[in-house]
Amino acid sequence: MADPSPNRRVVIAGASGFLGQGLARHLSARGWEIIALSRSKPRDLSNIPWVKWDGRTLGDWAASLDGAQAVVNLVGRSVDCIKTPDHCDEILRSRVESTLALGLTIRAAKHPPTVWAQMSTAHALGDPPTEICDEDSPFGVGLAPTVARAWEDAFNDHARDGVRPVILRTTFVLGRGGGALKRLATLARWGLGGTIGHGKQGLSWIHQHDLNRLFERAITDTTMRGPYIATAPNPVSNAEFMRSLRRALRMPIGLPATEWMVRLAAPLILRTDPELALYGRYCISRRLREEGFTFDFPTIDAALADLVA
């Protein structure tokens, strides 16, 4: 059911990031009035009003939320890093503190937004080797599930009555010009796009276009409420993903990387966590299927063919 409100203002917290800029462009092209809320001014959103916010503290930026149709929170330090204690602390605090600040601001608003759409992570479900996960699956153990639980608890504890809450637990987002796909495509073009580890680890993914459509649906569809897994309906193994990427790039060869190679090269050369590539999960969204959401890019071959064209 579409929201009957004529208000078209959406505040995007974390708008300077890869996902935030993509969502801002998507919604702006569809006639939404966007306010970018972020620590630094988005480079590619010169035509969109920007409000400075450190992602933690309360302040004058709160005025931008008053009377808005929706708030979308994408704030969070990237997990594409070496998991030092300091980085782990930043990953947790950046998510929880920004959510708390938004929640307190929404509660204090004279005219609060009608919907608060919050990003979370499907990594909350852990790394089961073959099990299919959906919204009914329990949280896993480890850093990512711990962060996700604290993130969502902060959201749920500070949600205001009358403001519709939506959580999108995102999987691996495939988009142009940013994210992990850019790095993987570079490796594949160098002939290093083979299977990683044993290759059976699940890779749940979503095209950025479909993720933007999901956020727009969260804003406009008054029946959406609570947590959803934001993922395409056809997860693949790592081996299948890398094979599809080589096809899209027309790269006939791809040297595999054993686990010990990844554990050595990821932190030393790529400056990232090897477990991001070595572990994974197979996710589907029972709720999106039951609610009839149709993906424009339901298969990995179609998604990658579009993105590398």
C-alpha atoms as a PDB file:
ATOM      1  CA  MET A   1       0.000   0.000   0.000  1.00  0.00           C
ATOM      2  CA  ALA A   2       1.455   3.332  -1.035  1.00  0.00           C
ATOM      3  CA  ASP A   3       1.896   6.060   1.528  1.00  0.00           C
ATOM      4  CA  PRO A   4      -0.682   8.790   0.764  1.00  0.00           C
ATOM      5  CA  SER A   5       1.504  11.590   2.186  1.00  0.00           C
ATOM      6  CA  PRO A   6       2.394  14.290  -0.392  1.00  0.00           C
ATOM      7  CA  ASN A   7       5.681  14.982   1.436  1.00  0.00           C
ATOM      8  CA  ARG A   8       8.646  14.061  -0.765  1.00  0.00           C
ATOM      9  CA  ARG A   9      11.583  14.901   1.514  1.00  0.00           C
ATOM     10  CA  VAL A  10      13.980  12.105   2.449  1.00  0.00           C
ATOM     11  CA  VAL A  11      16.984  12.546   4.728  1.00  0.00           C
ATOM     12  CA  ILE A  12      19.812  10.110   3.972  1.00  0.00           C
ATOM     13  CA  ALA A  13      22.258   9.728   6.849  1.00  0.00           C
ATOM     14  CA  GLY A  14      25.575   8.481   5.512  1.00  0.00           C
ATOM     15  CA  ALA A  15      24.951   9.977   2.092  1.00  0.00           C
ATOM     16  CA  SER A  16      28.631  10.433   1.259  1.00  0.00           C
ATOM     17  CA  GLY A  17      29.307   6.712   1.009  1.00  0.00           C
ATOM     18  CA  PHE A  18      29.021   4.392  -1.973  1.00  0.00           C
ATOM     19  CA  LEU A  19      25.507   3.230  -1.067  1.00  0.00           C
ATOM     20  CA  GLY A  20      24.344   6.648   0.097  1.00  0.00           C
ATOM     21  CA  GLN A  21      25.306   8.454  -3.081  1.00  0.00           C
ATOM     22  CA  GLY A  22      23.709   5.753  -5.188  1.00  0.00           C
ATOM     23  CA  LEU A  23      20.449   5.929  -3.237  1.00  0.00           C
ATOM     24  CA  ALA A  24      20.425   9.738  -3.347  1.00  0.00           C
ATOM     25  CA  ARG A  25      20.783   9.734  -7.137  1.00  0.00           C
ATOM     26  CA  HIS A  26      18.095   7.052  -7.484  1.00  0.00           C
ATOM     27  CA  LEU A  27      15.526   8.862  -5.347  1.00  0.00           C
ATOM     28  CA  SER A  28      16.350  12.305  -6.772  1.00  0.00           C
ATOM     29  CA  ALA A  29      15.793  11.004 -10.304  1.00  0.00           C
ATOM     30  CA  ARG A  30      12.341   9.870  -9.193  1.00  0.00           C
ATOM     31  CA  GLY A  31      11.317  13.243  -7.897  1.00  0.00           C
ATOM     32  CA  TRP A  32      12.210  12.970  -4.231  1.00  0.00           C
ATOM     33  CA  GLU A  33      13.675  15.953  -2.383  1.00  0.00           C
ATOM     34  CA  ILE A  34      16.909  14.681  -0.809  1.00  0.00           C
ATOM     35  CA  ILE A  35      18.924  16.040   2.093  1.00  0.00           C
ATOM     36  CA  ALA A  36      22.372  14.491   2.431  1.00  0.00           C
ATOM     37  CA  LEU A  37      23.448  14.090   6.045  1.00  0.00           C
ATOM     38  CA  SER A  38      27.096  13.132   6.429  1.00  0.00           C
ATOM     39  CA  ARG A  39      30.505  13.914   7.872  1.00  0.00           C
ATOM     40  CA  SER A  40      31.912  15.152   4.546  1.00  0.00           C
ATOM     41  CA  LYS A  41      30.210  16.680   1.532  1.00  0.00           C
ATOM     42  CA  PRO A  42      29.363  14.044  -1.112  1.00  0.00           C
ATOM     43  CA  ARG A  43      31.564  14.627  -4.142  1.00  0.00           C
ATOM     44  CA  ASP A  44      29.027  13.523  -6.752  1.00  0.00           C
ATOM     45  CA  LEU A  45      25.892  15.118  -5.276  1.00  0.00           C
ATOM     46  CA  SER A  46      26.545  18.787  -5.976  1.00  0.00           C
ATOM     47  CA  ASN A  47      22.865  19.447  -6.757  1.00  0.00           C
ATOM     48  CA  ILE A  48      21.619  17.980  -3.444  1.00  0.00           C
ATOM     49  CA  PRO A  49      21.517  19.976  -0.176  1.00  0.00           C
ATOM     50  CA  TRP A  50      24.100  18.799   2.351  1.00  0.00           C
ATOM     51  CA  VAL A  51      24.020  19.038   6.140  1.00  0.00           C
ATOM     52  CA  LYS A  52      27.191  18.301   8.081  1.00  0.00           C
ATOM     53  CA  TRP A  53      26.950  15.660  10.835  1.00  0.00           C
ATOM     54  CA  ASP A  54      29.677  13.693  12.578  1.00  0.00           C
ATOM     55  CA  GLY A  55      27.445  10.625  12.867  1.00  0.00           C
ATOM     56  CA  ARG A  56      27.525  10.652  16.659  1.00  0.00           C
ATOM     57  CA  THR A  57      26.440  13.835  18.402  1.00  0.00           C
ATOM     58  CA  LEU A  58      23.201  15.762  18.607  1.00  0.00           C
ATOM     59  CA  GLY A  59      23.107  19.223  17.078  1.00  0.00           C
ATOM     60  CA  ASP A  60      21.536  21.708  14.689  1.00  0.00           C
ATOM     61  CA  TRP A  61      21.373  19.046  11.975  1.00  0.00           C
ATOM     62  CA  ALA A  62      18.250  17.769  13.759  1.00  0.00           C
ATOM     63  CA  ALA A  63      16.195  20.467  12.008  1.00  0.00           C
ATOM     64  CA  SER A  64      16.614  18.616   8.709  1.00  0.00           C
ATOM     65  CA  LEU A  65      14.607  15.669  10.064  1.00  0.00           C
ATOM     66  CA  ASP A  66      11.662  17.689  11.293  1.00  0.00           C
ATOM     67  CA  GLY A  67       8.808  17.323   8.835  1.00  0.00           C
ATOM     68  CA  ALA A  68      10.604  14.864   6.528  1.00  0.00           C
ATOM     69  CA  GLN A  69       8.734  11.977   4.970  1.00  0.00           C
ATOM     70  CA  ALA A  70      11.504   9.498   5.754  1.00  0.00           C
ATOM     71  CA  VAL A  71      14.933   9.017   7.278  1.00  0.00           C
ATOM     72  CA  VAL A  72      17.279   6.409   5.843  1.00  0.00           C
ATOM     73  CA  ASN A  73      20.289   5.487   7.969  1.00  0.00           C
ATOM     74  CA  LEU A  74      23.319   4.094   6.128  1.00  0.00           C
ATOM     75  CA  VAL A  75      25.979   5.273   8.596  1.00  0.00           C
ATOM     76  CA  GLY A  76      28.712   2.785   9.458  1.00  0.00           C
ATOM     77  CA  ARG A  77      32.456   2.362   9.109  1.00  0.00           C
ATOM     78  CA  SER A  78      33.371   0.027   6.248  1.00  0.00           C
ATOM     79  CA  VAL A  79      34.057  -3.594   7.214  1.00  0.00           C
ATOM     80  CA  ASP A  80      36.468  -3.847   4.277  1.00  0.00           C
ATOM     81  CA  CYS A  81      39.505  -3.482   6.501  1.00  0.00           C
ATOM     82  CA  ILE A  82      41.915  -5.392   8.697  1.00  0.00           C
ATOM     83  CA  LYS A  83      40.058  -6.222  11.898  1.00  0.00           C
ATOM     84  CA  THR A  84      42.350  -4.557  14.407  1.00  0.00           C
ATOM     85  CA  PRO A  85      40.863  -3.824  17.857  1.00  0.00           C
ATOM     86  CA  ASP A  86      40.554  -0.148  16.932  1.00  0.00           C
ATOM     87  CA  HIS A  87      38.796  -0.938  13.662  1.00  0.00           C
ATOM     88  CA  CYS A  88      36.417  -3.367  15.371  1.00  0.00           C
ATOM     89  CA  ASP A  89      35.569  -0.666  17.900  1.00  0.00           C
ATOM     90  CA  GLU A  90      34.929   1.865  15.125  1.00  0.00           C
ATOM     91  CA  ILE A  91      32.742  -0.611  13.212  1.00  0.00           C
ATOM     92  CA  LEU A  92      30.548  -1.112  16.273  1.00  0.00           C
ATOM     93  CA  ARG A  93      30.484   2.441  17.619  1.00  0.00           C
ATOM     94  CA  SER A  94      29.836   4.119  14.254  1.00  0.00           C
ATOM     95  CA  ARG A  95      26.679   2.044  13.793  1.00  0.00           C
ATOM     96  CA  VAL A  96      25.310   2.147  17.308  1.00  0.00           C
ATOM     97  CA  GLU A  97      26.091   5.785  18.095  1.00  0.00           C
ATOM     98  CA  SER A  98      24.613   7.107  14.837  1.00  0.00           C
ATOM     99  CA  THR A  99      21.465   5.054  15.394  1.00  0.00           C
ATOM    100  CA  LEU A 100      21.108   6.316  18.961  1.00  0.00           C
ATOM    101  CA  ALA A 101      21.534   9.942  17.853  1.00  0.00           C
ATOM    102  CA  LEU A 102      18.945   9.568  15.095  1.00  0.00           C
ATOM    103  CA  GLY A 103      16.528   7.839  17.454  1.00  0.00           C
ATOM    104  CA  LEU A 104      16.801  10.586  20.075  1.00  0.00           C
ATOM    105  CA  THR A 105      16.373  13.258  17.405  1.00  0.00           C
ATOM    106  CA  ILE A 106      13.306  11.576  15.903  1.00  0.00           C
ATOM    107  CA  ARG A 107      11.763  11.233  19.359  1.00  0.00           C
ATOM    108  CA  ALA A 108      12.272  14.930  20.029  1.00  0.00           C
ATOM    109  CA  ALA A 109      10.995  16.110  16.621  1.00  0.00           C
ATOM    110  CA  LYS A 110       7.823  18.181  16.591  1.00  0.00           C
ATOM    111  CA  HIS A 111       6.916  16.686  13.217  1.00  0.00           C
ATOM    112  CA  PRO A 112       8.740  13.327  13.036  1.00  0.00           C
ATOM    113  CA  PRO A 113       9.199  11.409   9.784  1.00  0.00           C
ATOM    114  CA  THR A 114       6.605   8.789   8.975  1.00  0.00           C
ATOM    115  CA  VAL A 115       9.188   6.049   8.378  1.00  0.00           C
ATOM    116  CA  TRP A 116      12.700   5.229   9.585  1.00  0.00           C
ATOM    117  CA  ALA A 117      14.507   2.834   7.236  1.00  0.00           C
ATOM    118  CA  GLN A 118      17.632   1.375   8.809  1.00  0.00           C
ATOM    119  CA  MET A 119      20.415  -0.597   7.180  1.00  0.00           C
ATOM    120  CA  SER A 120      21.738  -3.681   8.937  1.00  0.00           C
ATOM    121  CA  THR A 121      23.676  -6.709   7.716  1.00  0.00           C
ATOM    122  CA  ALA A 122      22.789 -10.255   6.710  1.00  0.00           C
ATOM    123  CA  HIS A 123      26.140 -11.215   8.232  1.00  0.00           C
ATOM    124  CA  ALA A 124      24.133 -11.187  11.456  1.00  0.00           C
ATOM    125  CA  LEU A 125      23.196 -14.760  10.604  1.00  0.00           C
ATOM    126  CA  GLY A 126      26.788 -15.968  10.812  1.00  0.00           C
ATOM    127  CA  ASP A 127      28.508 -18.205   8.279  1.00  0.00           C
ATOM    128  CA  PRO A 128      26.623 -21.511   8.019  1.00  0.00           C
ATOM    129  CA  PRO A 129      28.334 -23.575   5.275  1.00  0.00           C
ATOM    130  CA  THR A 130      25.296 -24.886   3.376  1.00  0.00           C
ATOM    131  CA  GLU A 131      22.175 -23.862   5.302  1.00  0.00           C
ATOM    132  CA  ILE A 132      19.749 -21.460   3.612  1.00  0.00           C
ATOM    133  CA  CYS A 133      19.082 -18.457   5.860  1.00  0.00           C
ATOM    134  CA  ASP A 134      16.011 -16.218   5.898  1.00  0.00           C
ATOM    135  CA  GLU A 135      14.342 -13.781   8.277  1.00  0.00           C
ATOM    136  CA  ASP A 136      13.468 -16.607  10.673  1.00  0.00           C
ATOM    137  CA  SER A 137      17.066 -17.795  11.049  1.00  0.00           C
ATOM    138  CA  PRO A 138      18.831 -17.140  14.375  1.00  0.00           C
ATOM    139  CA  PHE A 139      21.746 -14.766  14.731  1.00  0.00           C
ATOM    140  CA  GLY A 140      25.186 -16.319  14.517  1.00  0.00           C
ATOM    141  CA  VAL A 141      28.260 -15.788  16.670  1.00  0.00           C
ATOM    142  CA  GLY A 142      31.337 -13.619  16.137  1.00  0.00           C
ATOM    143  CA  LEU A 143      32.071  -9.979  15.444  1.00  0.00           C
ATOM    144  CA  ALA A 144      29.522  -9.312  12.692  1.00  0.00           C
ATOM    145  CA  PRO A 145      26.527 -10.896  14.484  1.00  0.00           C
ATOM    146  CA  THR A 146      27.498  -9.076  17.697  1.00  0.00           C
ATOM    147  CA  VAL A 147      27.660  -5.754  15.853  1.00  0.00           C
ATOM    148  CA  ALA A 148      24.380  -6.449  14.052  1.00  0.00           C
ATOM    149  CA  ARG A 149      22.582  -7.309  17.289  1.00  0.00           C
ATOM    150  CA  ALA A 150      23.784  -4.118  18.995  1.00  0.00           C
ATOM    151  CA  TRP A 151      22.917  -2.093  15.861  1.00  0.00           C
ATOM    152  CA  GLU A 152      19.378  -3.443  15.637  1.00  0.00           C
ATOM    153  CA  ASP A 153      18.832  -3.253  19.403  1.00  0.00           C
ATOM    154  CA  ALA A 154      19.726   0.445  19.307  1.00  0.00           C
ATOM    155  CA  PHE A 155      17.230   0.917  16.482  1.00  0.00           C
ATOM    156  CA  ASN A 156      14.414  -1.024  18.130  1.00  0.00           C
ATOM    157  CA  ASP A 157      14.975   0.541  21.555  1.00  0.00           C
ATOM    158  CA  HIS A 158      14.788   4.080  20.164  1.00  0.00           C
ATOM    159  CA  ALA A 159      12.030   3.701  17.584  1.00  0.00           C
ATOM    160  CA  ARG A 160       9.233   6.188  18.169  1.00  0.00           C
ATOM    161  CA  ASP A 161       5.576   5.233  18.229  1.00  0.00           C
ATOM    162  CA  GLY A 162       3.935   6.338  15.020  1.00  0.00           C
ATOM    163  CA  VAL A 163       7.166   6.152  13.002  1.00  0.00           C
ATOM    164  CA  ARG A 164       7.137   3.005  10.891  1.00  0.00           C
ATOM    165  CA  PRO A 165      10.360   1.009  11.425  1.00  0.00           C
ATOM    166  CA  VAL A 166      12.014  -0.947   8.584  1.00  0.00           C
ATOM    167  CA  ILE A 167      15.343  -2.798   8.746  1.00  0.00           C
ATOM    168  CA  LEU A 168      17.103  -3.964   5.577  1.00  0.00           C
ATOM    169  CA  ARG A 169      19.781  -6.574   6.350  1.00  0.00           C
ATOM    170  CA  THR A 170      21.928  -6.102   3.280  1.00  0.00           C
ATOM    171  CA  THR A 171      24.081  -8.723   1.619  1.00  0.00           C
ATOM    172  CA  PHE A 172      26.958  -8.160  -0.848  1.00  0.00           C
ATOM    173  CA  VAL A 173      25.907  -5.081  -2.847  1.00  0.00           C
ATOM    174  CA  LEU A 174      27.002  -5.112  -6.481  1.00  0.00           C
ATOM    175  CA  GLY A 175      27.299  -1.649  -8.004  1.00  0.00           C
ATOM    176  CA  ARG A 176      29.348   0.497 -10.354  1.00  0.00           C
ATOM    177  CA  GLY A 177      32.231   2.618  -9.191  1.00  0.00           C
ATOM    178  CA  GLY A 178      32.589   1.325  -5.659  1.00  0.00           C
ATOM    179  CA  GLY A 179      32.201  -1.505  -3.227  1.00  0.00           C
ATOM    180  CA  ALA A 180      34.004  -4.823  -3.376  1.00  0.00           C
ATOM    181  CA  LEU A 181      33.004  -5.579  -6.978  1.00  0.00           C
ATOM    182  CA  LYS A 182      35.467  -2.986  -8.282  1.00  0.00           C
ATOM    183  CA  ARG A 183      38.339  -4.755  -6.539  1.00  0.00           C
ATOM    184  CA  LEU A 184      37.207  -8.231  -7.614  1.00  0.00           C
ATOM    185  CA  ALA A 185      36.835  -7.113 -11.240  1.00  0.00           C
ATOM    186  CA  THR A 186      40.362  -5.701 -11.192  1.00  0.00           C
ATOM    187  CA  LEU A 187      41.751  -8.989  -9.892  1.00  0.00           C
ATOM    188  CA  ALA A 188      39.782 -10.906 -12.529  1.00  0.00           C
ATOM    189  CA  ARG A 189      41.160  -8.706 -15.312  1.00  0.00           C
ATOM    190  CA  TRP A 190      44.642  -9.556 -14.049  1.00  0.00           C
ATOM    191  CA  GLY A 191      43.837 -13.249 -14.431  1.00  0.00           C
ATOM    192  CA  LEU A 192      43.348 -13.739 -10.676  1.00  0.00           C
ATOM    193  CA  GLY A 193      39.592 -14.250 -10.753  1.00  0.00           C
ATOM    194  CA  GLY A 194      39.516 -17.924  -9.865  1.00  0.00           C
ATOM    195  CA  THR A 195      37.866 -19.784  -7.008  1.00  0.00           C
ATOM    196  CA  ILE A 196      38.734 -18.490  -3.537  1.00  0.00           C
ATOM    197  CA  GLY A 197      39.436 -21.145  -0.927  1.00  0.00           C
ATOM    198  CA  HIS A 198      37.310 -24.244  -1.403  1.00  0.00           C
ATOM    199  CA  GLY A 199      34.771 -22.179  -3.366  1.00  0.00           C
ATOM    200  CA  LYS A 200      31.698 -23.620  -1.648  1.00  0.00           C
ATOM    201  CA  GLN A 201      31.117 -20.668   0.675  1.00  0.00           C
ATOM    202  CA  GLY A 202      27.843 -18.925  -0.009  1.00  0.00           C
ATOM    203  CA  LEU A 203      27.722 -15.541  -1.681  1.00  0.00           C
ATOM    204  CA  SER A 204      24.428 -13.742  -1.200  1.00  0.00           C
ATOM    205  CA  TRP A 205      24.261 -10.582  -3.245  1.00  0.00           C
ATOM    206  CA  ILE A 206      21.994  -7.814  -4.531  1.00  0.00           C
ATOM    207  CA  HIS A 207      22.315  -5.392  -7.445  1.00  0.00           C
ATOM    208  CA  GLN A 208      22.539  -1.811  -6.178  1.00  0.00           C
ATOM    209  CA  HIS A 209      19.598  -0.859  -8.393  1.00  0.00           C
ATOM    210  CA  ASP A 210      17.380  -3.392  -6.622  1.00  0.00           C
ATOM    211  CA  LEU A 211      18.621  -2.272  -3.206  1.00  0.00           C
ATOM    212  CA  ASN A 212      17.686   1.319  -4.094  1.00  0.00           C
ATOM    213  CA  ARG A 213      14.255   0.097  -5.153  1.00  0.00           C
ATOM    214  CA  LEU A 214      13.889  -1.713  -1.834  1.00  0.00           C
ATOM    215  CA  PHE A 215      14.676   1.431   0.139  1.00  0.00           C
ATOM    216  CA  GLU A 216      12.197   3.382  -1.968  1.00  0.00           C
ATOM    217  CA  ARG A 217       9.586   0.703  -1.321  1.00  0.00           C
ATOM    218  CA  ALA A 218      10.338   0.873   2.405  1.00  0.00           C
ATOM    219  CA  ILE A 219       9.632   4.594   2.260  1.00  0.00           C
ATOM    220  CA  THR A 220       6.386   4.374   0.295  1.00  0.00           C
ATOM    221  CA  ASP A 221       4.810   1.014   1.185  1.00  0.00           C
ATOM    222  CA  THR A 222       3.011   1.326   4.507  1.00  0.00           C
ATOM    223  CA  THR A 223       2.795  -2.470   4.875  1.00  0.00           C
ATOM    224  CA  MET A 224       6.587  -2.840   5.172  1.00  0.00           C
ATOM    225  CA  ARG A 225       7.627  -3.090   8.818  1.00  0.00           C
ATOM    226  CA  GLY A 226      10.416  -4.812  10.722  1.00  0.00           C
ATOM    227  CA  PRO A 227      13.435  -6.737   9.398  1.00  0.00           C
ATOM    228  CA  TYR A 228      13.956  -7.904   5.814  1.00  0.00           C
ATOM    229  CA  ILE A 229      16.958  -9.586   4.215  1.00  0.00           C
ATOM    230  CA  ALA A 230      17.921  -7.392   1.277  1.00  0.00           C
ATOM    231  CA  THR A 231      19.206 -10.019  -1.112  1.00  0.00           C
ATOM    232  CA  ALA A 232      18.524 -11.322  -4.605  1.00  0.00           C
ATOM    233  CA  PRO A 233      16.562 -14.614  -4.702  1.00  0.00           C
ATOM    234  CA  ASN A 234      19.420 -16.679  -6.139  1.00  0.00           C
ATOM    235  CA  PRO A 235      22.525 -16.879  -3.926  1.00  0.00           C
ATOM    236  CA  VAL A 236      25.537 -18.631  -5.432  1.00  0.00           C
ATOM    237  CA  SER A 237      28.734 -20.242  -4.274  1.00  0.00           C
ATOM    238  CA  ASN A 238      32.005 -18.353  -4.467  1.00  0.00           C
ATOM    239  CA  ALA A 239      33.092 -20.597  -7.345  1.00  0.00           C
ATOM    240  CA  GLU A 240      29.903 -19.807  -9.272  1.00  0.00           C
ATOM    241  CA  PHE A 241      30.251 -16.082  -8.644  1.00  0.00           C
ATOM    242  CA  MET A 242      33.846 -15.921  -9.841  1.00  0.00           C
ATOM    243  CA  ARG A 243      32.959 -17.969 -12.927  1.00  0.00           C
ATOM    244  CA  SER A 244      30.109 -15.575 -13.737  1.00  0.00           C
ATOM    245  CA  LEU A 245      32.393 -12.568 -13.231  1.00  0.00           C
ATOM    246  CA  ARG A 246      34.957 -13.985 -15.670  1.00  0.00           C
ATOM    247  CA  ARG A 247      32.199 -14.547 -18.236  1.00  0.00           C
ATOM    248  CA  ALA A 248      30.961 -10.975 -17.855  1.00  0.00           C
ATOM    249  CA  LEU A 249      34.512  -9.651 -18.302  1.00  0.00           C
ATOM    250  CA  ARG A 250      35.247 -12.109 -21.125  1.00  0.00           C
ATOM    251  CA  MET A 251      38.258 -13.320 -19.224  1.00  0.00           C
ATOM    252  CA  PRO A 252      38.925 -16.962 -20.155  1.00  0.00           C
ATOM    253  CA  ILE A 253      41.235 -17.778 -17.252  1.00  0.00           C
ATOM    254  CA  GLY A 254      41.200 -17.201 -13.524  1.00  0.00           C
ATOM    255  CA  LEU A 255      43.895 -18.515 -11.247  1.00  0.00           C
ATOM    256  CA  PRO A 256      42.482 -19.892  -7.984  1.00  0.00           C
ATOM    257  CA  ALA A 257      43.585 -18.683  -4.570  1.00  0.00           C
ATOM    258  CA  THR A 258      43.988 -21.227  -1.790  1.00  0.00           C
ATOM    259  CA  GLU A 259      43.042 -20.347   1.773  1.00  0.00           C
ATOM    260  CA  TRP A 260      46.623 -19.793   2.885  1.00  0.00           C
ATOM    261  CA  MET A 261      47.222 -17.438  -0.054  1.00  0.00           C
ATOM    262  CA  VAL A 262      44.161 -15.380   0.855  1.00  0.00           C
ATOM    263  CA  ARG A 263      45.100 -15.235   4.541  1.00  0.00           C
ATOM    264  CA  LEU A 264      48.532 -13.960   3.557  1.00  0.00           C
ATOM    265  CA  ALA A 265      47.659 -11.579   0.729  1.00  0.00           C
ATOM    266  CA  ALA A 266      44.438 -10.016   2.055  1.00  0.00           C
ATOM    267  CA  PRO A 267      45.980  -8.127   4.992  1.00  0.00           C
ATOM    268  CA  LEU A 268      49.415  -7.529   3.452  1.00  0.00           C
ATOM    269  CA  ILE A 269      48.467  -6.459  -0.077  1.00  0.00           C
ATOM    270  CA  LEU A 270      44.738  -5.667  -0.145  1.00  0.00           C
ATOM    271  CA  ARG A 271      44.611  -4.348   3.436  1.00  0.00           C
ATOM    272  CA  THR A 272      41.416  -6.205   4.208  1.00  0.00           C
ATOM    273  CA  ASP A 273      40.029  -9.107   6.219  1.00  0.00           C
ATOM    274  CA  PRO A 274      40.582 -12.518   4.526  1.00  0.00           C
ATOM    275  CA  GLU A 275      37.443 -13.924   6.127  1.00  0.00           C
ATOM    276  CA  LEU A 276      35.302 -11.625   3.969  1.00  0.00           C
ATOM    277  CA  ALA A 277      36.247 -13.870   1.040  1.00  0.00           C
ATOM    278  CA  LEU A 278      36.741 -17.197   2.808  1.00  0.00           C
ATOM    279  CA  TYR A 279      33.388 -17.340   4.582  1.00  0.00           C
ATOM    280  CA  GLY A 280      29.848 -16.620   3.474  1.00  0.00           C
ATOM    281  CA  ARG A 281      26.205 -17.514   3.689  1.00  0.00           C
ATOM    282  CA  TYR A 282      23.313 -18.501   1.433  1.00  0.00           C
ATOM    283  CA  CYS A 283      20.460 -16.057   2.109  1.00  0.00           C
ATOM    284  CA  ILE A 284      17.000 -15.604   0.671  1.00  0.00           C
ATOM    285  CA  SER A 285      14.204 -13.290   1.756  1.00  0.00           C
ATOM    286  CA  ARG A 286      11.040 -15.145   2.660  1.00  0.00           C
ATOM    287  CA  ARG A 287       9.285 -11.857   3.410  1.00  0.00           C
ATOM    288  CA  LEU A 288      10.072 -10.177   0.078  1.00  0.00           C
ATOM    289  CA  ARG A 289       8.948 -13.287  -1.784  1.00  0.00           C
ATOM    290  CA  GLU A 290       5.686 -13.456   0.160  1.00  0.00           C
ATOM    291  CA  GLU A 291       5.079  -9.729  -0.349  1.00  0.00           C
ATOM    292  CA  GLY A 292       5.597  -9.995  -4.100  1.00  0.00           C
ATOM    293  CA  PHE A 293       8.723  -7.888  -4.593  1.00  0.00           C
ATOM    294  CA  THR A 294      10.076  -8.454  -8.109  1.00  0.00           C
ATOM    295  CA  PHE A 295      13.808  -8.084  -8.689  1.00  0.00           C
ATOM    296  CA  ASP A 296      15.007  -6.455 -11.890  1.00  0.00           C
ATOM    297  CA  PHE A 297      18.226  -8.488 -11.525  1.00  0.00           C
ATOM    298  CA  PRO A 298      17.332 -11.864  -9.984  1.00  0.00           C
ATOM    299  CA  THR A 299      20.351 -13.809 -11.324  1.00  0.00           C
ATOM    300  CA  ILE A 300      24.045 -13.223 -10.927  1.00  0.00           C
ATOM    301  CA  ASP A 301      24.756 -13.466 -14.668  1.00  0.00           C
ATOM    302  CA  ALA A 302      22.231 -10.719 -15.447  1.00  0.00           C
ATOM    303  CA  ALA A 303      23.505  -8.494 -12.643  1.00  0.00           C
ATOM    304  CA  LEU A 304      27.182  -8.761 -13.583  1.00  0.00           C
ATOM    305  CA  ALA A 305      26.485  -8.416 -17.309  1.00  0.00           C
ATOM    306  CA  ASP A 306      24.712  -5.130 -16.573  1.00  0.00           C
ATOM    307  CA  LEU A 307      27.391  -3.796 -14.254  1.00  0.00           C
ATOM    308  CA  VAL A 308      30.443  -4.471 -16.420  1.00  0.00           C
ATOM    309  CA  ALA A 309      28.784  -3.418 -19.697  1.00  0.00           C
END
